[in-house]
Amino acid sequence: MNQFRKMFGFLFLLLNAVVVPEMAAKADDFSTWSLVKVNCGLSRNWGFVGYVEYRSKDNLKHSDRWTLSAMLNWKPVSCLTVEGGYALHYRYKGDGGWGVRNRYKLGLTGSVGWRNVKFSLRERLQRTVADGAAEDVLRSRLKASYAPKSWFVNPYFSVELFQPLGDDAFFTASRLRYRPGMAVKLSKKCSIDVFYCRQYEPKSCRNIFGIELGLKF
């Protein structure tokens, strides 16, 4: 019981320090992300991750997009993961129109642990192709999680920076995300991730509530 009190106390302080002041300062677009992810181990070092996702936008008035994604990952050592994959976006473009967008991803994630705290840094290159144009972005994400072995609820917090590539765009941030959340272990093969994400962009900001169902095979 004391463990649960400490965990919820930690999350409450985190939400009040990061989320509540931002929401009070400015009421922006509210969105939702719903995702089902499947993680399959192919061998000792190789794995497959696939997911289906639905996103809403404009304070739940419109759909944002449907996503179907597949990715392979390889672990040369326990603390390093190399990943590469593809995502198909079927997105709402306004005025009742929908369009297809293709995204290609290549990333590298390093992780370390200290007692019950785990840190990871992910660098991911992505190319998005839509309507005959391509956009290249470098995504840098730093994540910290508290995960004692005896707990089935693990709080975490991450910060992710999006940097456009090409021309003179590098070293400028096109998007910034703060994401506190909780990963809940329902069983050895099933988990739920509930999170809040505050997303900043040059012309708009979003408050995002998300839920992710994870399955392992």
N, C-alpha and C. Protein backbone atom coordinates (compact mmCIF):
# COMPACT_ATOMS: atom_id res chain seq x y z
N MET A 1 0.83 -1.21 0.00
CA MET A 1 0.00 0.00 0.00
C MET A 1 0.86 1.25 0.00
N ASN A 2 1.97 1.24 0.76
CA ASN A 2 2.85 2.40 0.79
C ASN A 2 3.47 2.66 -0.57
N GLN A 3 3.75 1.58 -1.32
CA GLN A 3 4.31 1.73 -2.65
C GLN A 3 3.33 2.45 -3.57
N PHE A 4 2.06 2.08 -3.50
CA PHE A 4 1.07 2.72 -4.34
C PHE A 4 0.89 4.19 -3.98
N ARG A 5 0.95 4.50 -2.69
CA ARG A 5 0.83 5.89 -2.27
C ARG A 5 1.99 6.72 -2.79
N LYS A 6 3.20 6.15 -2.73
CA LYS A 6 4.37 6.86 -3.25
C LYS A 6 4.27 7.07 -4.75
N MET A 7 3.81 6.03 -5.46
CA MET A 7 3.71 6.11 -6.92
C MET A 7 2.70 7.17 -7.33
N PHE A 8 1.50 7.14 -6.73
CA PHE A 8 0.48 8.12 -7.09
C PHE A 8 0.86 9.52 -6.63
N GLY A 9 1.59 9.59 -5.51
CA GLY A 9 2.07 10.90 -5.08
C GLY A 9 3.07 11.47 -6.05
N PHE A 10 3.96 10.62 -6.56
CA PHE A 10 4.94 11.06 -7.56
C PHE A 10 4.25 11.56 -8.82
N LEU A 11 3.27 10.80 -9.31
CA LEU A 11 2.56 11.20 -10.52
C LEU A 11 1.76 12.47 -10.31
N PHE A 12 1.14 12.61 -9.13
CA PHE A 12 0.36 13.81 -8.84
C PHE A 12 1.24 15.05 -8.86
N LEU A 13 2.41 14.97 -8.23
CA LEU A 13 3.33 16.10 -8.24
C LEU A 13 3.81 16.42 -9.65
N LEU A 14 4.05 15.37 -10.44
CA LEU A 14 4.51 15.56 -11.81
C LEU A 14 3.45 16.25 -12.65
N LEU A 15 2.21 15.82 -12.52
CA LEU A 15 1.12 16.43 -13.28
C LEU A 15 0.90 17.88 -12.87
N ASN A 16 0.99 18.17 -11.58
CA ASN A 16 0.79 19.54 -11.12
C ASN A 16 1.94 20.45 -11.52
N ALA A 17 3.14 19.92 -11.60
CA ALA A 17 4.31 20.73 -11.95
C ALA A 17 4.39 21.02 -13.44
N VAL A 18 3.90 20.09 -14.27
CA VAL A 18 4.07 20.23 -15.71
C VAL A 18 2.77 20.44 -16.45
N VAL A 19 1.77 19.64 -16.12
CA VAL A 19 0.54 19.64 -16.91
C VAL A 19 -0.43 20.75 -16.52
N VAL A 20 -0.76 20.83 -15.23
CA VAL A 20 -1.79 21.76 -14.80
C VAL A 20 -1.47 23.21 -15.11
N PRO A 21 -0.24 23.73 -14.83
CA PRO A 21 0.05 25.12 -15.18
C PRO A 21 -0.07 25.40 -16.66
N GLU A 22 0.33 24.44 -17.50
CA GLU A 22 0.26 24.66 -18.94
C GLU A 22 -1.18 24.71 -19.42
N MET A 23 -2.04 23.83 -18.90
CA MET A 23 -3.44 23.81 -19.32
C MET A 23 -4.16 25.07 -18.84
N ALA A 24 -3.78 25.54 -17.66
CA ALA A 24 -4.42 26.73 -17.13
C ALA A 24 -3.98 27.98 -17.88
N ALA A 25 -2.74 27.97 -18.36
CA ALA A 25 -2.20 29.15 -19.02
C ALA A 25 -2.86 29.38 -20.38
N LYS A 26 -3.20 28.28 -21.05
CA LYS A 26 -3.75 28.45 -22.38
C LYS A 26 -4.57 27.23 -22.77
N ALA A 27 -5.83 27.42 -23.11
CA ALA A 27 -6.69 26.33 -23.52
C ALA A 27 -6.59 26.19 -25.03
N ASP A 28 -5.93 25.13 -25.49
CA ASP A 28 -5.73 24.91 -26.92
C ASP A 28 -6.54 23.71 -27.38
N ASP A 29 -6.19 23.22 -28.52
CA ASP A 29 -6.87 22.08 -29.09
C ASP A 29 -6.69 20.85 -28.19
N PHE A 30 -7.80 20.13 -27.97
CA PHE A 30 -7.75 18.90 -27.20
C PHE A 30 -7.89 17.73 -28.16
N SER A 31 -6.99 16.74 -28.03
CA SER A 31 -6.96 15.61 -28.94
C SER A 31 -6.85 14.31 -28.17
N THR A 32 -7.14 13.20 -28.84
CA THR A 32 -6.98 11.88 -28.25
C THR A 32 -6.19 10.98 -29.19
N TRP A 33 -5.39 10.10 -28.60
CA TRP A 33 -4.66 9.08 -29.36
C TRP A 33 -5.02 7.72 -28.76
N SER A 34 -5.47 6.80 -29.60
CA SER A 34 -5.81 5.44 -29.16
C SER A 34 -5.03 4.45 -30.01
N LEU A 35 -4.33 3.52 -29.36
CA LEU A 35 -3.38 2.69 -30.08
C LEU A 35 -3.38 1.26 -29.55
N VAL A 36 -3.27 0.30 -30.46
CA VAL A 36 -3.08 -1.10 -30.11
C VAL A 36 -1.75 -1.53 -30.73
N LYS A 37 -0.81 -1.98 -29.88
CA LYS A 37 0.53 -2.33 -30.33
C LYS A 37 0.82 -3.80 -30.06
N VAL A 38 1.43 -4.46 -31.03
CA VAL A 38 1.82 -5.87 -30.90
C VAL A 38 3.33 -5.96 -31.00
N ASN A 39 3.95 -6.61 -30.01
CA ASN A 39 5.41 -6.77 -29.96
C ASN A 39 5.73 -8.27 -30.01
N CYS A 40 6.43 -8.68 -31.05
CA CYS A 40 6.75 -10.10 -31.23
C CYS A 40 8.26 -10.31 -31.23
N GLY A 41 8.75 -11.24 -30.43
CA GLY A 41 10.16 -11.60 -30.45
C GLY A 41 10.42 -12.62 -31.54
N LEU A 42 11.25 -12.27 -32.51
CA LEU A 42 11.55 -13.17 -33.62
C LEU A 42 12.72 -14.09 -33.31
N SER A 43 13.67 -13.59 -32.53
CA SER A 43 14.82 -14.37 -32.10
C SER A 43 15.39 -13.68 -30.87
N ARG A 44 16.58 -14.08 -30.46
CA ARG A 44 17.18 -13.47 -29.28
C ARG A 44 17.46 -12.00 -29.47
N ASN A 45 17.85 -11.60 -30.66
CA ASN A 45 18.25 -10.21 -30.91
C ASN A 45 17.28 -9.44 -31.81
N TRP A 46 16.35 -10.14 -32.45
CA TRP A 46 15.46 -9.49 -33.40
C TRP A 46 14.01 -9.49 -32.90
N GLY A 47 13.30 -8.41 -33.24
CA GLY A 47 11.91 -8.31 -32.85
C GLY A 47 11.09 -7.54 -33.87
N PHE A 48 9.78 -7.69 -33.79
CA PHE A 48 8.85 -7.00 -34.69
C PHE A 48 7.84 -6.24 -33.83
N VAL A 49 7.56 -4.99 -34.23
CA VAL A 49 6.55 -4.18 -33.56
C VAL A 49 5.58 -3.64 -34.61
N GLY A 50 4.30 -3.91 -34.41
CA GLY A 50 3.27 -3.38 -35.31
C GLY A 50 2.17 -2.73 -34.49
N TYR A 51 1.56 -1.69 -35.04
CA TYR A 51 0.46 -1.07 -34.31
C TYR A 51 -0.56 -0.43 -35.24
N VAL A 52 -1.77 -0.28 -34.70
CA VAL A 52 -2.86 0.44 -35.35
C VAL A 52 -3.24 1.58 -34.42
N GLU A 53 -3.38 2.79 -34.97
CA GLU A 53 -3.65 3.96 -34.13
C GLU A 53 -4.73 4.84 -34.76
N TYR A 54 -5.54 5.41 -33.87
CA TYR A 54 -6.54 6.41 -34.29
C TYR A 54 -6.31 7.68 -33.48
N ARG A 55 -6.34 8.84 -34.17
CA ARG A 55 -6.18 10.13 -33.52
C ARG A 55 -7.34 11.06 -33.88
N SER A 56 -7.80 11.81 -32.88
CA SER A 56 -8.80 12.85 -33.11
C SER A 56 -8.14 14.21 -32.96
N LYS A 57 -8.85 15.27 -33.36
CA LYS A 57 -8.33 16.63 -33.22
C LYS A 57 -9.48 17.62 -33.13
N ASP A 58 -9.14 18.91 -33.02
CA ASP A 58 -10.14 19.99 -32.98
C ASP A 58 -11.16 19.74 -31.88
N ASN A 59 -10.66 19.45 -30.67
CA ASN A 59 -11.54 19.23 -29.51
C ASN A 59 -12.55 18.11 -29.77
N LEU A 60 -12.07 17.03 -30.38
CA LEU A 60 -12.84 15.82 -30.67
C LEU A 60 -13.87 15.99 -31.78
N LYS A 61 -13.83 17.11 -32.48
CA LYS A 61 -14.81 17.35 -33.54
C LYS A 61 -14.49 16.60 -34.83
N HIS A 62 -13.20 16.36 -35.08
CA HIS A 62 -12.80 15.71 -36.32
C HIS A 62 -11.79 14.59 -36.06
N SER A 63 -11.75 13.66 -37.00
CA SER A 63 -10.68 12.67 -36.99
C SER A 63 -9.41 13.34 -37.49
N ASP A 64 -8.28 12.90 -36.96
CA ASP A 64 -7.00 13.39 -37.43
C ASP A 64 -6.39 12.40 -38.41
N ARG A 65 -6.24 11.14 -37.97
CA ARG A 65 -5.70 10.15 -38.88
C ARG A 65 -5.83 8.74 -38.31
N TRP A 66 -5.75 7.78 -39.20
CA TRP A 66 -5.57 6.37 -38.88
C TRP A 66 -4.15 6.00 -39.30
N THR A 67 -3.49 5.18 -38.49
CA THR A 67 -2.11 4.78 -38.80
C THR A 67 -1.96 3.26 -38.70
N LEU A 68 -1.28 2.70 -39.68
CA LEU A 68 -0.89 1.30 -39.66
C LEU A 68 0.62 1.25 -39.82
N SER A 69 1.32 0.69 -38.82
CA SER A 69 2.78 0.75 -38.80
C SER A 69 3.39 -0.62 -38.55
N ALA A 70 4.56 -0.85 -39.15
CA ALA A 70 5.33 -2.07 -38.94
C ALA A 70 6.81 -1.70 -38.81
N MET A 71 7.50 -2.33 -37.85
CA MET A 71 8.90 -1.98 -37.61
C MET A 71 9.68 -3.20 -37.12
N LEU A 72 10.91 -3.33 -37.59
CA LEU A 72 11.84 -4.34 -37.11
C LEU A 72 12.85 -3.69 -36.18
N ASN A 73 13.23 -4.39 -35.13
CA ASN A 73 14.27 -3.88 -34.25
C ASN A 73 15.31 -4.95 -33.98
N TRP A 74 16.54 -4.51 -33.76
CA TRP A 74 17.68 -5.39 -33.55
C TRP A 74 18.48 -4.89 -32.36
N LYS A 75 18.83 -5.81 -31.46
CA LYS A 75 19.62 -5.46 -30.28
C LYS A 75 20.99 -6.11 -30.37
N PRO A 76 22.02 -5.36 -30.80
CA PRO A 76 23.38 -5.92 -30.84
C PRO A 76 23.91 -6.18 -29.43
N VAL A 77 23.50 -5.30 -28.48
CA VAL A 77 23.81 -5.48 -27.06
C VAL A 77 22.55 -5.10 -26.28
N SER A 78 22.52 -5.45 -25.00
CA SER A 78 21.30 -5.26 -24.21
C SER A 78 20.88 -3.80 -24.05
N CYS A 79 21.85 -2.88 -24.09
CA CYS A 79 21.55 -1.47 -23.84
C CYS A 79 21.36 -0.65 -25.13
N LEU A 80 21.35 -1.31 -26.29
CA LEU A 80 21.26 -0.59 -27.55
C LEU A 80 20.27 -1.28 -28.48
N THR A 81 19.38 -0.48 -29.10
CA THR A 81 18.39 -1.02 -30.04
C THR A 81 18.43 -0.22 -31.33
N VAL A 82 18.50 -0.92 -32.45
CA VAL A 82 18.43 -0.31 -33.78
C VAL A 82 17.08 -0.67 -34.39
N GLU A 83 16.39 0.31 -34.96
CA GLU A 83 15.05 0.06 -35.49
C GLU A 83 14.87 0.69 -36.87
N GLY A 84 14.00 0.08 -37.64
CA GLY A 84 13.66 0.62 -38.95
C GLY A 84 12.27 0.15 -39.34
N GLY A 85 11.49 1.04 -39.97
CA GLY A 85 10.13 0.63 -40.30
C GLY A 85 9.39 1.60 -41.19
N TYR A 86 8.11 1.32 -41.36
CA TYR A 86 7.24 2.08 -42.27
C TYR A 86 5.88 2.28 -41.61
N ALA A 87 5.26 3.43 -41.89
CA ALA A 87 3.92 3.72 -41.38
C ALA A 87 3.07 4.32 -42.50
N LEU A 88 1.84 3.85 -42.59
CA LEU A 88 0.87 4.38 -43.55
C LEU A 88 -0.15 5.21 -42.80
N HIS A 89 -0.28 6.48 -43.18
CA HIS A 89 -1.24 7.37 -42.54
C HIS A 89 -2.41 7.64 -43.49
N TYR A 90 -3.61 7.45 -42.99
CA TYR A 90 -4.82 7.85 -43.73
C TYR A 90 -5.41 9.01 -42.94
N ARG A 91 -5.18 10.23 -43.41
CA ARG A 91 -5.44 11.41 -42.59
C ARG A 91 -6.51 12.33 -43.17
N TYR A 92 -7.16 13.03 -42.25
CA TYR A 92 -8.20 13.98 -42.61
C TYR A 92 -7.55 15.32 -42.97
N LYS A 93 -7.82 15.84 -44.16
CA LYS A 93 -7.17 17.06 -44.65
C LYS A 93 -8.09 18.27 -44.61
N GLY A 94 -9.30 18.12 -44.08
CA GLY A 94 -10.24 19.23 -44.02
C GLY A 94 -11.22 19.23 -45.17
N ASP A 95 -12.36 19.88 -44.97
CA ASP A 95 -13.41 19.97 -45.99
C ASP A 95 -13.87 18.59 -46.46
N GLY A 96 -13.85 17.64 -45.54
CA GLY A 96 -14.34 16.31 -45.87
C GLY A 96 -13.40 15.46 -46.67
N GLY A 97 -12.17 15.93 -46.90
CA GLY A 97 -11.23 15.18 -47.72
C GLY A 97 -10.24 14.37 -46.90
N TRP A 98 -9.87 13.21 -47.44
CA TRP A 98 -8.90 12.35 -46.81
C TRP A 98 -7.75 12.08 -47.76
N GLY A 99 -6.57 11.84 -47.24
CA GLY A 99 -5.40 11.58 -48.07
C GLY A 99 -4.47 10.58 -47.42
N VAL A 100 -3.59 10.02 -48.24
CA VAL A 100 -2.62 9.02 -47.77
C VAL A 100 -1.25 9.66 -47.62
N ARG A 101 -0.56 9.28 -46.56
CA ARG A 101 0.79 9.77 -46.31
C ARG A 101 1.67 8.58 -45.93
N ASN A 102 2.89 8.55 -46.48
CA ASN A 102 3.84 7.47 -46.20
C ASN A 102 4.98 7.99 -45.33
N ARG A 103 5.34 7.20 -44.32
CA ARG A 103 6.42 7.61 -43.42
C ARG A 103 7.42 6.47 -43.26
N TYR A 104 8.71 6.80 -43.39
CA TYR A 104 9.79 5.83 -43.24
C TYR A 104 10.63 6.24 -42.03
N LYS A 105 11.00 5.25 -41.19
CA LYS A 105 11.66 5.55 -39.92
C LYS A 105 12.92 4.71 -39.73
N LEU A 106 13.95 5.35 -39.19
CA LEU A 106 15.19 4.67 -38.84
C LEU A 106 15.70 5.27 -37.53
N GLY A 107 15.92 4.42 -36.52
CA GLY A 107 16.26 4.98 -35.22
C GLY A 107 17.27 4.17 -34.44
N LEU A 108 17.77 4.79 -33.37
CA LEU A 108 18.76 4.19 -32.48
C LEU A 108 18.41 4.60 -31.05
N THR A 109 18.28 3.62 -30.15
CA THR A 109 17.92 3.89 -28.77
C THR A 109 18.95 3.29 -27.82
N GLY A 110 19.47 4.13 -26.93
CA GLY A 110 20.39 3.67 -25.89
C GLY A 110 19.72 3.80 -24.54
N SER A 111 19.93 2.84 -23.65
CA SER A 111 19.27 2.86 -22.34
C SER A 111 20.23 2.44 -21.24
N VAL A 112 20.03 3.04 -20.06
CA VAL A 112 20.81 2.70 -18.87
C VAL A 112 19.85 2.67 -17.68
N GLY A 113 20.24 1.96 -16.63
CA GLY A 113 19.42 1.89 -15.43
C GLY A 113 20.22 2.20 -14.19
N TRP A 114 19.56 2.78 -13.21
CA TRP A 114 20.16 3.07 -11.91
C TRP A 114 19.13 2.74 -10.85
N ARG A 115 19.38 1.63 -10.15
CA ARG A 115 18.41 1.12 -9.17
C ARG A 115 17.07 0.87 -9.86
N ASN A 116 16.02 1.56 -9.44
CA ASN A 116 14.70 1.36 -10.04
C ASN A 116 14.36 2.39 -11.12
N VAL A 117 15.31 3.24 -11.44
CA VAL A 117 15.07 4.28 -12.45
C VAL A 117 15.77 3.89 -13.75
N LYS A 118 15.05 4.01 -14.85
CA LYS A 118 15.59 3.70 -16.17
C LYS A 118 15.57 4.95 -17.04
N PHE A 119 16.68 5.17 -17.76
CA PHE A 119 16.78 6.30 -18.68
C PHE A 119 17.03 5.77 -20.09
N SER A 120 16.44 6.44 -21.07
CA SER A 120 16.69 6.06 -22.46
C SER A 120 16.74 7.31 -23.33
N LEU A 121 17.57 7.26 -24.36
CA LEU A 121 17.67 8.33 -25.34
C LEU A 121 17.47 7.72 -26.72
N ARG A 122 16.46 8.21 -27.43
CA ARG A 122 16.17 7.70 -28.77
C ARG A 122 16.37 8.81 -29.80
N GLU A 123 17.15 8.49 -30.84
CA GLU A 123 17.32 9.37 -31.98
C GLU A 123 16.70 8.68 -33.19
N ARG A 124 15.73 9.35 -33.81
CA ARG A 124 15.02 8.73 -34.92
C ARG A 124 14.95 9.68 -36.12
N LEU A 125 15.38 9.18 -37.27
CA LEU A 125 15.22 9.91 -38.53
C LEU A 125 13.94 9.44 -39.19
N GLN A 126 13.14 10.38 -39.66
CA GLN A 126 11.92 10.00 -40.36
C GLN A 126 11.73 10.84 -41.62
N ARG A 127 11.28 10.19 -42.65
CA ARG A 127 10.93 10.87 -43.90
C ARG A 127 9.44 10.66 -44.15
N THR A 128 8.71 11.76 -44.34
CA THR A 128 7.28 11.70 -44.59
C THR A 128 7.01 12.19 -46.01
N VAL A 129 6.32 11.37 -46.79
CA VAL A 129 6.02 11.69 -48.19
C VAL A 129 4.51 11.81 -48.36
N ALA A 130 4.07 12.96 -48.86
CA ALA A 130 2.65 13.20 -49.09
C ALA A 130 2.47 14.25 -50.17
N ASP A 131 1.53 14.01 -51.08
CA ASP A 131 1.19 14.98 -52.13
C ASP A 131 2.42 15.38 -52.95
N GLY A 132 3.31 14.43 -53.18
CA GLY A 132 4.47 14.69 -54.02
C GLY A 132 5.61 15.42 -53.34
N ALA A 133 5.51 15.68 -52.05
CA ALA A 133 6.56 16.39 -51.32
C ALA A 133 7.08 15.52 -50.17
N ALA A 134 8.36 15.69 -49.83
CA ALA A 134 8.98 14.91 -48.76
C ALA A 134 9.49 15.83 -47.66
N GLU A 135 9.33 15.40 -46.42
CA GLU A 135 9.81 16.15 -45.26
C GLU A 135 10.67 15.24 -44.40
N ASP A 136 11.88 15.70 -44.07
CA ASP A 136 12.81 14.93 -43.24
C ASP A 136 12.93 15.59 -41.86
N VAL A 137 12.83 14.77 -40.82
CA VAL A 137 12.85 15.28 -39.45
C VAL A 137 13.70 14.37 -38.57
N LEU A 138 14.46 14.97 -37.66
CA LEU A 138 15.18 14.24 -36.63
C LEU A 138 14.41 14.39 -35.32
N ARG A 139 14.03 13.24 -34.73
CA ARG A 139 13.28 13.25 -33.47
C ARG A 139 14.19 12.74 -32.36
N SER A 140 14.35 13.57 -31.31
CA SER A 140 15.21 13.22 -30.18
C SER A 140 14.33 13.11 -28.93
N ARG A 141 14.31 11.93 -28.31
CA ARG A 141 13.45 11.72 -27.14
C ARG A 141 14.26 11.23 -25.95
N LEU A 142 14.12 11.92 -24.83
CA LEU A 142 14.74 11.51 -23.56
C LEU A 142 13.61 11.06 -22.62
N LYS A 143 13.76 9.86 -22.07
CA LYS A 143 12.69 9.29 -21.25
C LYS A 143 13.25 8.75 -19.94
N ALA A 144 12.53 8.99 -18.85
CA ALA A 144 12.87 8.45 -17.54
C ALA A 144 11.65 7.72 -16.98
N SER A 145 11.87 6.53 -16.43
CA SER A 145 10.76 5.76 -15.87
C SER A 145 11.17 5.18 -14.53
N TYR A 146 10.19 5.01 -13.66
CA TYR A 146 10.42 4.41 -12.34
C TYR A 146 9.76 3.04 -12.35
N ALA A 147 10.56 1.98 -12.29
CA ALA A 147 10.02 0.64 -12.52
C ALA A 147 10.57 -0.40 -11.55
N PRO A 148 10.16 -0.36 -10.27
CA PRO A 148 10.53 -1.43 -9.34
C PRO A 148 9.92 -2.76 -9.81
N LYS A 149 10.61 -3.86 -9.60
CA LYS A 149 10.14 -5.16 -10.06
C LYS A 149 8.84 -5.57 -9.38
N SER A 150 8.62 -5.11 -8.17
CA SER A 150 7.42 -5.51 -7.42
C SER A 150 6.18 -4.70 -7.79
N TRP A 151 6.36 -3.64 -8.57
CA TRP A 151 5.22 -2.79 -8.97
C TRP A 151 4.67 -3.26 -10.30
N PHE A 152 3.35 -3.16 -10.45
CA PHE A 152 2.77 -3.40 -11.75
C PHE A 152 2.32 -2.10 -12.42
N VAL A 153 2.50 -0.97 -11.73
CA VAL A 153 2.23 0.35 -12.29
C VAL A 153 3.53 1.15 -12.26
N ASN A 154 3.99 1.58 -13.43
CA ASN A 154 5.27 2.28 -13.53
C ASN A 154 5.09 3.66 -14.15
N PRO A 155 5.30 4.75 -13.38
CA PRO A 155 5.20 6.10 -13.94
C PRO A 155 6.44 6.44 -14.77
N TYR A 156 6.25 7.33 -15.73
CA TYR A 156 7.37 7.76 -16.58
C TYR A 156 7.14 9.18 -17.06
N PHE A 157 8.19 9.77 -17.59
CA PHE A 157 8.11 11.12 -18.16
C PHE A 157 9.10 11.22 -19.31
N SER A 158 8.67 11.81 -20.43
CA SER A 158 9.57 11.94 -21.58
C SER A 158 9.44 13.33 -22.20
N VAL A 159 10.53 13.75 -22.84
CA VAL A 159 10.58 15.01 -23.60
C VAL A 159 11.09 14.67 -24.99
N GLU A 160 10.38 15.14 -26.03
CA GLU A 160 10.78 14.83 -27.40
C GLU A 160 10.84 16.11 -28.23
N LEU A 161 11.94 16.27 -28.95
CA LEU A 161 12.19 17.44 -29.79
C LEU A 161 12.22 17.03 -31.26
N PHE A 162 11.50 17.77 -32.10
CA PHE A 162 11.47 17.54 -33.55
C PHE A 162 12.30 18.63 -34.24
N GLN A 163 13.29 18.23 -35.04
CA GLN A 163 14.13 19.19 -35.76
C GLN A 163 14.07 18.89 -37.26
N PRO A 164 13.63 19.84 -38.08
CA PRO A 164 13.61 19.65 -39.53
C PRO A 164 15.04 19.52 -40.07
N LEU A 165 15.20 18.74 -41.13
CA LEU A 165 16.49 18.56 -41.78
C LEU A 165 16.47 19.14 -43.19
N GLY A 166 17.62 19.63 -43.63
CA GLY A 166 17.72 20.19 -44.98
C GLY A 166 17.73 21.70 -44.98
N ASP A 167 18.42 22.27 -45.96
CA ASP A 167 18.54 23.72 -46.11
C ASP A 167 19.08 24.34 -44.82
N ASP A 168 18.42 25.39 -44.36
CA ASP A 168 18.86 26.06 -43.13
C ASP A 168 17.94 25.76 -41.96
N ALA A 169 17.17 24.68 -42.09
CA ALA A 169 16.15 24.39 -41.09
C ALA A 169 16.71 23.74 -39.83
N PHE A 170 17.87 23.09 -39.91
CA PHE A 170 18.39 22.36 -38.76
C PHE A 170 18.70 23.30 -37.59
N PHE A 171 18.60 22.77 -36.39
CA PHE A 171 18.75 23.51 -35.14
C PHE A 171 17.56 24.43 -34.87
N THR A 172 16.47 24.21 -35.59
CA THR A 172 15.21 24.90 -35.28
C THR A 172 14.21 23.83 -34.87
N ALA A 173 13.43 24.10 -33.84
CA ALA A 173 12.47 23.12 -33.34
C ALA A 173 11.11 23.35 -33.99
N SER A 174 10.60 22.34 -34.68
CA SER A 174 9.28 22.45 -35.28
C SER A 174 8.19 21.91 -34.36
N ARG A 175 8.60 21.13 -33.35
CA ARG A 175 7.61 20.54 -32.43
C ARG A 175 8.32 20.09 -31.16
N LEU A 176 7.62 20.22 -30.04
CA LEU A 176 8.15 19.81 -28.74
C LEU A 176 7.04 19.13 -27.96
N ARG A 177 7.34 17.96 -27.38
CA ARG A 177 6.34 17.21 -26.64
C ARG A 177 6.83 16.88 -25.23
N TYR A 178 5.96 17.13 -24.23
CA TYR A 178 6.17 16.67 -22.87
C TYR A 178 5.12 15.61 -22.58
N ARG A 179 5.55 14.47 -22.06
CA ARG A 179 4.60 13.36 -21.90
C ARG A 179 4.81 12.61 -20.58
N PRO A 180 3.99 12.90 -19.56
CA PRO A 180 3.96 12.07 -18.36
C PRO A 180 2.90 10.98 -18.53
N GLY A 181 3.15 9.81 -17.93
CA GLY A 181 2.17 8.75 -18.05
C GLY A 181 2.44 7.61 -17.09
N MET A 182 1.60 6.56 -17.20
CA MET A 182 1.72 5.38 -16.37
C MET A 182 1.57 4.14 -17.25
N ALA A 183 2.49 3.20 -17.11
CA ALA A 183 2.39 1.91 -17.79
C ALA A 183 1.91 0.89 -16.77
N VAL A 184 0.80 0.24 -17.07
CA VAL A 184 0.17 -0.71 -16.14
C VAL A 184 0.31 -2.13 -16.69
N LYS A 185 0.94 -3.02 -15.95
CA LYS A 185 1.11 -4.40 -16.37
C LYS A 185 -0.10 -5.22 -15.95
N LEU A 186 -0.89 -5.64 -16.91
CA LEU A 186 -2.07 -6.46 -16.61
C LEU A 186 -1.71 -7.93 -16.50
N SER A 187 -0.73 -8.36 -17.30
CA SER A 187 -0.23 -9.73 -17.26
C SER A 187 1.13 -9.75 -17.93
N LYS A 188 1.73 -10.92 -18.09
CA LYS A 188 3.03 -11.01 -18.73
C LYS A 188 2.97 -10.62 -20.20
N LYS A 189 1.80 -10.75 -20.81
CA LYS A 189 1.66 -10.47 -22.23
C LYS A 189 0.80 -9.26 -22.56
N CYS A 190 0.27 -8.61 -21.55
CA CYS A 190 -0.66 -7.50 -21.81
C CYS A 190 -0.40 -6.34 -20.86
N SER A 191 -0.41 -5.12 -21.40
CA SER A 191 -0.20 -3.91 -20.60
C SER A 191 -1.02 -2.76 -21.18
N ILE A 192 -1.21 -1.74 -20.36
CA ILE A 192 -1.92 -0.52 -20.79
C ILE A 192 -1.07 0.68 -20.40
N ASP A 193 -0.91 1.60 -21.33
CA ASP A 193 -0.17 2.83 -21.11
C ASP A 193 -1.16 3.99 -21.20
N VAL A 194 -1.33 4.72 -20.10
CA VAL A 194 -2.22 5.88 -20.07
C VAL A 194 -1.35 7.12 -19.89
N PHE A 195 -1.54 8.13 -20.75
CA PHE A 195 -0.64 9.28 -20.71
C PHE A 195 -1.34 10.57 -21.10
N TYR A 196 -0.67 11.66 -20.74
CA TYR A 196 -1.02 13.00 -21.19
C TYR A 196 0.17 13.54 -21.97
N CYS A 197 -0.09 14.24 -23.05
CA CYS A 197 0.99 14.82 -23.84
C CYS A 197 0.67 16.28 -24.14
N ARG A 198 1.62 17.14 -23.84
CA ARG A 198 1.51 18.57 -24.17
C ARG A 198 2.41 18.82 -25.38
N GLN A 199 1.82 19.21 -26.49
CA GLN A 199 2.57 19.40 -27.74
C GLN A 199 2.58 20.86 -28.14
N TYR A 200 3.82 21.38 -28.32
CA TYR A 200 4.01 22.76 -28.75
C TYR A 200 4.44 22.80 -30.22
N GLU A 201 3.84 23.71 -30.99
CA GLU A 201 4.24 23.99 -32.35
C GLU A 201 4.27 25.51 -32.53
N PRO A 202 4.95 26.01 -33.57
CA PRO A 202 5.06 27.47 -33.72
C PRO A 202 3.72 28.20 -33.74
N LYS A 203 2.69 27.60 -34.32
CA LYS A 203 1.41 28.30 -34.46
C LYS A 203 0.28 27.70 -33.63
N SER A 204 0.51 26.61 -32.95
CA SER A 204 -0.56 25.99 -32.19
C SER A 204 0.02 25.07 -31.11
N CYS A 205 -0.84 24.72 -30.16
CA CYS A 205 -0.47 23.78 -29.11
C CYS A 205 -1.63 22.81 -28.91
N ARG A 206 -1.30 21.62 -28.41
CA ARG A 206 -2.32 20.60 -28.19
C ARG A 206 -2.18 19.99 -26.80
N ASN A 207 -3.34 19.70 -26.19
CA ASN A 207 -3.41 18.87 -25.01
C ASN A 207 -3.95 17.52 -25.45
N ILE A 208 -3.17 16.47 -25.24
CA ILE A 208 -3.50 15.17 -25.80
C ILE A 208 -3.64 14.15 -24.67
N PHE A 209 -4.75 13.43 -24.69
CA PHE A 209 -4.94 12.30 -23.79
C PHE A 209 -4.83 11.03 -24.60
N GLY A 210 -4.03 10.07 -24.13
CA GLY A 210 -3.82 8.86 -24.91
C GLY A 210 -3.90 7.60 -24.08
N ILE A 211 -4.25 6.51 -24.75
CA ILE A 211 -4.27 5.20 -24.13
C ILE A 211 -3.73 4.18 -25.14
N GLU A 212 -2.84 3.32 -24.68
CA GLU A 212 -2.19 2.34 -25.56
C GLU A 212 -2.30 0.95 -24.95
N LEU A 213 -2.82 0.03 -25.73
CA LEU A 213 -2.89 -1.37 -25.32
C LEU A 213 -1.72 -2.11 -25.95
N GLY A 214 -0.88 -2.73 -25.12
CA GLY A 214 0.29 -3.45 -25.61
C GLY A 214 0.16 -4.95 -25.44
N LEU A 215 0.49 -5.71 -26.47
CA LEU A 215 0.43 -7.17 -26.45
C LEU A 215 1.79 -7.74 -26.82
N LYS A 216 2.25 -8.75 -26.10
CA LYS A 216 3.54 -9.37 -26.38
C LYS A 216 3.36 -10.85 -26.72
N PHE A 217 4.11 -11.29 -27.73
CA PHE A 217 4.05 -12.70 -28.14
C PHE A 217 5.46 -13.23 -28.35
